[in-house]
Protein backbone atom coordinates (compact mmCIF):
# COMPACT_ATOMS: atom_id res chain seq x y z
CA UNK A 1 47.66 49.97 59.53
CA UNK A 2 50.88 50.87 57.27
CA UNK A 3 53.60 48.56 57.72
CA UNK A 4 57.02 50.95 57.97
CA UNK A 5 60.44 49.51 58.74
CA UNK A 6 59.86 50.14 63.01
CA UNK A 7 57.30 47.50 62.65
CA UNK A 8 59.17 45.42 60.61
CA UNK A 9 62.05 45.67 63.00
CA UNK A 10 59.74 44.93 66.40
CA UNK A 11 57.64 41.78 64.30
CA UNK A 12 61.74 40.01 63.17
CA UNK A 13 62.63 40.78 67.26
CA UNK A 14 59.66 39.09 68.38
CA UNK A 15 59.88 36.22 65.78
CA UNK A 16 63.82 36.05 67.17
CA UNK A 17 62.21 36.41 70.63
CA UNK A 18 59.41 33.60 70.19
CA UNK A 19 62.51 31.61 68.39
CA UNK A 20 64.83 31.37 71.02
CA UNK A 21 61.94 30.72 73.11
CA UNK A 22 60.96 27.54 71.12
CA UNK A 23 64.61 26.36 70.42
CA UNK A 24 64.91 26.06 74.44
CA UNK A 25 61.46 24.40 74.95
CA UNK A 26 62.14 22.01 72.47
CA UNK A 27 66.32 21.40 73.15
CA UNK A 28 65.76 21.23 76.56
CA UNK A 29 63.44 17.95 75.56
CA UNK A 30 65.74 16.68 73.00
CA UNK A 31 68.21 16.40 75.02
CA UNK A 32 66.25 14.06 77.74
CA UNK A 33 65.75 12.16 74.73
CA UNK A 34 68.90 11.03 73.96
CA UNK A 35 68.66 8.76 76.99
CA UNK A 36 65.03 6.93 74.87
CA UNK A 37 67.37 6.06 71.95
CA UNK A 38 68.22 7.52 68.64
CA UNK A 39 64.65 7.03 67.08
CA UNK A 40 63.01 8.62 69.99
CA UNK A 41 65.41 11.74 69.85
CA UNK A 42 64.77 11.73 65.82
CA UNK A 43 61.15 12.53 66.74
CA UNK A 44 62.58 15.77 68.81
CA UNK A 45 64.76 16.62 65.40
CA UNK A 46 62.44 16.81 63.21
CA UNK A 47 59.53 18.22 65.44
CA UNK A 48 62.19 21.00 65.65
CA UNK A 49 62.72 21.16 61.89
CA UNK A 50 58.99 21.73 61.73
CA UNK A 51 58.29 24.08 64.15
CA UNK A 52 61.47 26.40 64.09
CA UNK A 53 61.61 29.05 61.21
CA UNK A 54 57.76 28.82 60.56
CA UNK A 55 55.21 32.26 60.62
CA UNK A 56 54.58 32.34 63.80
CA UNK A 57 51.27 33.50 62.93
CA UNK A 58 49.55 32.75 66.94
CA UNK A 59 52.43 33.69 68.89
CA UNK A 60 52.65 36.72 66.98
CA UNK A 61 49.18 37.64 67.34
CA UNK A 62 49.49 37.32 70.82
CA UNK A 63 52.75 39.53 71.52
CA UNK A 64 51.53 42.35 69.38
CA UNK A 65 48.33 42.59 70.62
CA UNK A 66 49.69 41.93 74.21
CA UNK A 67 52.30 44.88 73.35
CA UNK A 68 48.94 47.11 72.12
CA UNK A 69 47.32 46.19 75.27
CA UNK A 70 50.03 46.28 78.05
CA UNK A 71 50.53 48.90 81.03
CA UNK A 72 53.61 51.13 80.72
CA UNK A 73 55.25 49.15 82.77
CA UNK A 74 54.42 45.64 81.78
CA UNK A 75 55.87 42.67 84.52
CA UNK A 76 54.27 39.84 82.66
CA UNK A 77 56.57 40.56 79.43
CA UNK A 78 58.56 37.46 79.27
CA UNK A 79 56.39 35.44 80.86
CA UNK A 80 53.76 36.33 77.66
CA UNK A 81 56.87 35.26 75.24
CA UNK A 82 56.87 31.74 77.14
CA UNK A 83 53.10 31.71 76.55
CA UNK A 84 53.25 32.41 72.76
CA UNK A 85 55.67 29.82 71.91
CA UNK A 86 53.80 27.19 73.66
CA UNK A 87 51.23 27.99 71.86
CA UNK A 88 53.11 27.31 68.72
CA UNK A 89 53.54 23.56 70.18
CA UNK A 90 49.78 23.32 70.56
CA UNK A 91 49.33 24.15 66.80
CA UNK A 92 52.21 21.80 65.44
CA UNK A 93 50.59 18.92 67.97
CA UNK A 94 47.25 19.92 66.15
CA UNK A 95 48.80 19.71 63.07
CA UNK A 96 50.60 16.31 63.50
CA UNK A 97 47.48 14.61 64.55
CA UNK A 98 45.45 16.16 61.29
CA UNK A 99 48.04 15.02 59.41
CA UNK A 100 47.70 11.08 60.58
CA UNK A 101 44.04 11.51 60.17
CA UNK A 102 43.81 13.01 56.59
CA UNK A 103 46.80 10.46 55.84
CA UNK A 104 49.24 13.55 54.76
CA UNK A 105 52.81 13.06 54.12
CA UNK A 106 53.42 16.20 52.48
CA UNK A 107 52.78 20.04 54.25
CA UNK A 108 53.40 23.21 52.14
CA UNK A 109 55.40 21.17 49.15
CA UNK A 110 57.65 19.45 51.85
CA UNK A 111 57.86 16.35 53.79
CA UNK A 112 55.90 16.74 56.84
CA UNK A 113 57.06 14.73 59.86
CA UNK A 114 55.11 11.30 58.61
CA UNK A 115 57.05 11.74 55.54
CA UNK A 116 60.20 12.40 56.58
CA UNK A 117 59.83 9.35 59.04
CA UNK A 118 58.07 6.93 55.84
CA UNK A 119 61.09 7.93 54.15
CA UNK A 120 63.91 7.02 56.23
CA UNK A 121 62.02 4.30 56.77
CA UNK A 122 62.81 2.83 53.69
CA UNK A 123 61.11 -0.47 52.66
CA UNK A 124 59.98 -2.31 55.52
CA UNK A 125 58.55 -5.83 55.39
CA UNK A 126 54.98 -5.07 56.43
CA UNK A 127 52.02 -4.83 53.89
CA UNK A 128 52.30 -0.51 54.80
CA UNK A 129 55.83 -0.67 54.07
CA UNK A 130 56.49 1.94 56.99
CA UNK A 131 53.67 4.05 57.29
CA UNK A 132 52.68 2.35 60.18
CA UNK A 133 55.75 3.30 62.13
CA UNK A 134 55.70 6.98 60.44
CA UNK A 135 52.04 7.85 61.51
CA UNK A 136 52.72 6.33 65.54
CA UNK A 137 55.33 8.69 65.27
CA UNK A 138 53.34 11.83 64.23
CA UNK A 139 50.22 10.47 67.07
CA UNK A 140 53.03 10.26 69.81
CA UNK A 141 55.22 13.81 68.73
CA UNK A 142 51.73 15.05 68.80
CA UNK A 143 51.22 13.60 72.15
CA UNK A 144 54.21 14.70 73.77
CA UNK A 145 53.60 18.77 72.23
CA UNK A 146 50.21 18.47 73.93
CA UNK A 147 52.12 17.55 77.19
CA UNK A 148 55.05 20.63 76.55
CA UNK A 149 52.40 23.14 76.36
CA UNK A 150 50.35 22.08 79.65
CA UNK A 151 53.86 22.46 81.06
CA UNK A 152 54.85 25.78 79.61
CA UNK A 153 51.35 27.33 81.02
CA UNK A 154 51.45 25.57 84.20
CA UNK A 155 54.97 26.53 85.26
CA UNK A 156 54.15 30.29 84.04
CA UNK A 157 56.17 32.85 86.32
CA UNK A 158 52.47 34.20 87.07
CA UNK A 159 49.75 34.85 90.01
CA UNK A 160 47.95 32.13 90.86
CA UNK A 161 44.68 33.26 89.63
CA UNK A 162 45.65 34.54 86.30
CA UNK A 163 47.38 31.22 85.87
CA UNK A 164 44.52 29.00 86.53
CA UNK A 165 42.65 31.45 83.92
CA UNK A 166 45.34 30.84 81.34
CA UNK A 167 45.38 26.74 82.33
CA UNK A 168 41.13 27.09 81.21
CA UNK A 169 41.94 28.86 78.02
CA UNK A 170 44.00 26.54 76.90
CA UNK A 171 41.75 23.62 78.12
CA UNK A 172 38.58 25.03 76.61
CA UNK A 173 40.50 25.46 73.16
CA UNK A 174 41.76 21.90 73.07
CA UNK A 175 38.33 20.69 73.99
CA UNK A 176 36.89 23.08 70.92
CA UNK A 177 39.51 21.73 68.89
CA UNK A 178 39.06 18.62 69.32
CA UNK A 179 35.63 18.36 69.05
CA UNK A 180 36.17 20.29 65.24
CA UNK A 181 38.20 17.48 64.13
CA UNK A 182 35.63 15.35 65.38
CA UNK A 183 33.04 17.12 63.28
CA UNK A 184 35.30 17.28 60.12
CA UNK A 185 35.73 13.57 60.32
CA UNK A 186 32.19 12.96 61.01
CA UNK A 187 31.40 15.04 58.14
CA UNK A 188 33.53 13.43 55.35
CA UNK A 189 32.59 9.96 57.21
CA UNK A 190 29.10 10.15 55.94
CA UNK A 191 28.37 10.16 59.73
CA UNK A 192 27.19 13.86 60.42
CA UNK A 193 24.85 15.37 57.84
CA UNK A 194 27.03 18.22 55.85
CA UNK A 195 24.64 21.04 55.91
CA UNK A 196 26.10 24.37 55.90
CA UNK A 197 25.40 25.12 59.41
CA UNK A 198 27.57 22.27 60.83
CA UNK A 199 30.65 22.81 58.33
CA UNK A 200 30.72 26.51 60.17
CA UNK A 201 30.77 25.53 63.37
CA UNK A 202 33.31 22.81 62.47
CA UNK A 203 35.47 25.91 61.02
CA UNK A 204 35.21 27.49 64.09
CA UNK A 205 36.14 24.95 66.66
CA UNK A 206 39.22 23.17 64.28
CA UNK A 207 40.33 27.16 63.51
CA UNK A 208 38.90 30.05 64.56
CA UNK A 209 39.22 28.87 68.56
CA UNK A 210 43.29 28.24 68.48
CA UNK A 211 44.44 30.39 65.65
CA UNK A 212 42.43 33.51 66.77
CA UNK A 213 40.90 33.61 70.08
CA UNK A 214 43.54 31.42 72.26
CA UNK A 215 45.94 34.56 71.41
CA UNK A 216 43.64 37.19 71.53
CA UNK A 217 42.26 36.03 75.02
CA UNK A 218 45.81 34.87 76.25
CA UNK A 219 47.37 38.46 75.56
CA UNK A 220 43.80 40.23 77.17
CA UNK A 221 44.53 38.41 80.15
CA UNK A 222 47.93 39.09 80.63
CA UNK A 223 47.76 42.55 79.54
CA UNK A 224 45.22 42.73 82.63
CA UNK A 225 42.90 44.18 80.10
CA UNK A 226 39.34 44.48 80.81
CA UNK A 227 36.76 41.38 80.28
CA UNK A 228 34.86 43.46 77.76
CA UNK A 229 37.81 43.97 75.94
CA UNK A 230 38.91 40.38 75.80
CA UNK A 231 35.61 39.57 74.99
CA UNK A 232 35.51 41.66 72.13
CA UNK A 233 38.59 40.58 70.69
CA UNK A 234 37.63 37.01 71.04
CA UNK A 235 34.65 37.24 68.74
CA UNK A 236 36.30 39.74 66.17
CA UNK A 237 38.95 36.96 66.03
CA UNK A 238 36.26 34.16 65.68
CA UNK A 239 35.13 36.13 62.75
CA UNK A 240 38.51 36.45 61.35
CA UNK A 241 39.16 32.85 61.66
CA UNK A 242 35.92 31.62 59.95
CA UNK A 243 37.10 34.17 57.09
CA UNK A 244 40.31 32.59 57.14
CA UNK A 245 39.30 28.64 57.23
CA UNK A 246 36.68 29.74 54.07
CA UNK A 247 39.52 31.16 52.35
CA UNK A 248 41.69 28.10 52.88
CA UNK A 249 39.31 26.38 51.13
CA UNK A 250 38.99 28.26 48.34
CA UNK A 251 42.50 28.45 47.96
CA UNK A 252 42.57 24.63 48.26
CA UNK A 253 40.16 24.35 45.65
CA UNK A 254 40.45 26.88 43.75
CA UNK A 255 44.12 28.19 44.29
CA UNK A 256 47.72 27.52 42.59
CA UNK A 257 49.28 24.88 43.89
CA UNK A 258 52.41 26.34 43.28
CA UNK A 259 51.50 28.97 45.67
CA UNK A 260 49.37 27.31 48.34
CA UNK A 261 51.81 23.99 48.73
CA UNK A 262 48.81 21.52 48.58
CA UNK A 263 47.90 18.88 46.49
CA UNK A 264 45.55 20.40 43.74
CA UNK A 265 42.83 18.20 44.31
CA UNK A 266 43.27 17.02 48.03
CA UNK A 267 40.46 18.43 49.40
CA UNK A 268 38.08 16.39 46.51
CA UNK A 269 39.57 13.41 46.61
CA UNK A 270 39.50 13.26 50.46
CA UNK A 271 35.80 13.83 50.13
CA UNK A 272 36.29 17.19 52.46
CA UNK A 273 32.70 18.74 53.37
CA UNK A 274 33.59 22.56 53.05
CA UNK A 275 30.68 25.44 52.64
CA UNK A 276 31.95 24.84 48.96
CA UNK A 277 30.14 21.30 48.80
CA UNK A 278 27.67 21.95 50.60
CA UNK A 279 26.23 24.81 48.24
CA UNK A 280 27.03 22.55 45.16
CA UNK A 281 25.11 20.15 46.72
CA UNK A 282 22.08 22.14 46.85
CA UNK A 283 23.03 22.67 42.97
CA UNK A 284 21.66 20.66 39.83
CA UNK A 285 25.29 20.48 39.38
CA UNK A 286 26.00 18.25 42.26
CA UNK A 287 24.34 15.02 40.01
CA UNK A 288 27.77 16.01 37.74
CA UNK A 289 30.13 16.71 40.46
CA UNK A 290 29.09 13.67 43.06
CA UNK A 291 30.38 10.58 41.00
CA UNK A 292 33.99 12.60 41.39
CA UNK A 293 33.59 13.11 44.83
CA UNK A 294 35.82 11.34 47.32
CA UNK A 295 37.46 9.30 44.95
CA UNK A 296 40.75 8.13 45.57
CA UNK A 297 41.49 8.23 42.00
CA UNK A 298 40.72 11.72 41.05
CA UNK A 299 43.12 13.94 39.36
CA UNK A 300 44.37 15.67 36.06
CA UNK A 301 41.27 16.59 33.88
CA UNK A 302 38.62 15.18 35.81
CA UNK A 303 39.89 16.97 38.86
CA UNK A 304 39.84 20.17 36.79
CA UNK A 305 36.14 19.03 35.33
CA UNK A 306 35.18 19.16 38.70
CA UNK A 307 36.90 22.09 39.52
CA UNK A 308 35.13 23.64 36.83
CA UNK A 309 31.57 22.84 37.84
CA UNK A 310 32.13 23.81 40.75
CA UNK A 311 32.99 27.27 39.95
CA UNK A 312 30.23 27.20 37.49
CA UNK A 313 27.41 26.50 39.93
CA UNK A 314 28.18 29.48 41.97
CA UNK A 315 30.11 27.71 44.78
CA UNK A 316 32.93 29.46 44.40
CA UNK A 317 31.12 32.72 44.49
CA UNK A 318 28.95 31.58 47.00
CA UNK A 319 32.05 31.16 50.08
CA UNK A 320 33.71 34.37 48.80
CA UNK A 321 30.32 36.31 49.84
CA UNK A 322 30.33 33.82 53.55
CA UNK A 323 34.23 35.56 54.05
CA UNK A 324 32.70 39.33 53.65
CA UNK A 325 29.82 38.73 56.05
CA UNK A 326 32.77 37.40 58.43
CA UNK A 327 34.43 40.58 57.56
CA UNK A 328 31.67 43.17 57.86
CA UNK A 329 31.15 40.96 61.08
CA UNK A 330 34.07 41.67 61.94
CA UNK A 331 34.68 45.48 60.99
CA UNK A 332 31.37 45.61 63.39
CA UNK A 333 33.18 44.90 66.24
CA UNK A 334 35.81 47.21 66.01
CA UNK A 335 34.66 50.15 68.16
CA UNK A 336 35.92 51.75 71.62
CA UNK A 337 35.44 48.76 72.93
CA UNK A 338 38.73 47.77 71.96
CA UNK A 339 41.15 50.11 72.02
CA UNK A 340 43.08 51.61 69.09
CA UNK A 341 46.60 49.94 69.22
CA UNK A 342 44.92 46.15 69.37
CA UNK A 343 42.18 47.41 66.61
CA UNK A 344 45.12 47.89 64.74
CA UNK A 345 47.01 44.63 65.01
CA UNK A 346 43.64 43.17 63.66
CA UNK A 347 43.45 45.26 60.80
CA UNK A 348 47.01 44.42 59.94
CA UNK A 349 46.45 40.92 60.45
CA UNK A 350 42.25 41.07 58.55
CA UNK A 351 44.72 42.98 56.09
CA UNK A 352 46.63 39.80 54.99
CA UNK A 353 43.63 38.07 54.06
CA UNK A 354 43.22 40.26 50.84
CA UNK A 355 45.02 38.94 47.78
CA UNK A 356 46.24 36.26 49.89
CA UNK A 357 46.96 33.04 47.69
CA UNK A 358 49.08 30.67 50.39
């Protein structure tokens, strides 16, 4: 898809509309929060700072797909913007809980909500300083954003059956994402065997479902598209989501941290079971990698050594091949079932995968 000046203007307009809706959703709750004291209100202030001004990948995917599918006279566009904004709240709630589980204090090179709360707490008279306080704030804010997302879906100005359809999609998305998170932790803690098939299932649940399938299915439902179109969009989105997650894993391990904003060795230090590691386990190089994998002190030369070993054993090339397989499956679905406008939205998104550095 060629990005024209009108496309850029349209996307800018959509971002503005989504940000305005998000500002209203967060501002209303921030105002109510002041009655419970400054510490509670501070959670909403920090959440607003983190949510507003983002890339809005998921809400933009919903709105651009909706606009490509919708009838000439749309009854539900304003409601679609509300649902799109709510999906961004859902995204941030998952990030907060993920940061608590992973013990992360930084996201994209800047303190996350937990890191900000920790810095503001100073040196508390606890063995962990203010970490318990900060992580509690992350959990609670994530819970509140989940509730806010459900409220937005439940109060949407839509026919009863359509509203129930969207609520079912939301519940399905939360179920799969939570199941994916549990798989991720189980893999990392050695509770679940780290075979490639399980890792790919985890990636589908944890990333593809809410990043691609939910926006695409919601757009199709809101636009009144045939269920066959919705299913084709969701399946294409699942392949694209897996490709994006595999690319994320490649960037986290082999990419430039100055570009992607993550710690250079965080996945290796954490012992994160990725497709990269699944392949490495099957090679003779694993005996050289295993002593360093999952070690909290991994850094500097040792980290570079492990990264080089992973590349030399073919893990990097193997995962690049998996990405190509997912993209081939994705392209095979772009048939007449998916209308041309929606097809262009997906192709535009797929194009962003190429040369991606962050």
